[in-house]
Protein backbone atom coordinates (compact mmCIF):
# COMPACT_ATOMS: atom_id res chain seq x y z
CA MET A 1 -0.12 0.07 0.10
CA GLU A 2 3.24 2.34 1.00
CA ILE A 3 4.16 1.89 -2.60
CA VAL A 4 0.97 2.36 -4.21
CA LEU A 5 0.15 5.59 -2.30
CA THR A 6 4.23 6.94 -3.18
CA LEU A 7 3.53 6.62 -6.70
CA VAL A 8 -0.01 8.23 -6.92
CA PHE A 9 1.76 11.18 -5.20
CA SER A 10 4.50 10.92 -7.59
CA SER A 11 2.63 10.87 -10.21
CA VAL A 12 0.90 14.03 -9.45
CA LEU A 13 4.28 15.82 -9.45
CA LEU A 14 5.17 14.46 -12.36
CA ILE A 15 3.73 17.58 -14.40
CA PHE A 16 5.18 19.96 -11.58
CA MET A 17 8.74 18.87 -11.74
CA VAL A 18 9.41 19.13 -15.34
CA TYR A 19 10.72 23.18 -15.19
CA PRO A 20 13.21 21.81 -11.92
CA ALA A 21 14.39 19.23 -13.81
CA MET A 22 14.94 21.45 -17.36
CA LYS A 23 16.85 23.80 -14.85
CA ILE A 24 18.55 21.52 -13.39
CA VAL A 25 19.96 19.97 -16.73
CA GLU A 26 20.39 23.61 -18.03
CA PHE A 27 22.94 24.37 -15.42
CA CYS A 28 24.43 21.18 -16.01
CA GLU A 29 24.48 22.06 -19.80
CA THR A 30 26.37 25.54 -19.10
CA LYS A 31 29.33 23.34 -17.11
CA PHE A 32 29.74 20.05 -19.87
CA GLU A 33 28.85 19.75 -23.31
CA ILE A 34 25.59 17.53 -23.60
CA SER A 35 23.69 16.97 -27.18
CA ASP A 36 20.05 17.31 -27.54
CA ARG A 37 19.73 13.62 -27.39
CA MET A 38 21.52 13.49 -23.75
CA TYR A 39 19.30 16.80 -22.76
CA ASN A 40 16.17 15.18 -23.35
CA ILE A 41 17.08 11.88 -21.88
CA SER A 42 18.52 13.75 -18.54
CA THR A 43 15.73 15.56 -18.66
CA VAL A 44 13.16 13.06 -18.47
CA VAL A 45 14.91 11.02 -16.06
CA LEU A 46 15.26 13.79 -13.84
CA THR A 47 11.71 14.49 -14.28
CA ILE A 48 11.11 11.10 -12.97
CA VAL A 49 13.18 11.07 -10.13
CA LEU A 50 12.45 14.50 -8.91
CA SER A 51 8.76 13.47 -8.43
CA LEU A 52 9.74 9.90 -7.04
CA ILE A 53 11.36 11.57 -4.00
CA VAL A 54 8.78 14.26 -3.83
CA GLY A 55 6.09 11.60 -3.74
CA SER A 56 8.19 9.63 -1.49
CA GLY A 57 8.49 12.45 1.15
CA LEU A 58 4.66 13.90 1.12
CA TYR A 59 3.98 10.24 1.76
CA TYR A 60 6.38 10.04 5.17
CA LEU A 61 6.01 13.67 6.15
């Protein structure tokens, strides 16, 4: 039941975590050379990771 609630919270947060993920990847792009394909993959992965982190934080608070 814990996993289901965490995933429900995370699914809602996917929309809101796109902007922070883009900003983090843009910051990394200033430090390293990143191709367009790697930029897109990094943004998607970082969006999912951030939403899972915040979703689990919401569940355990």
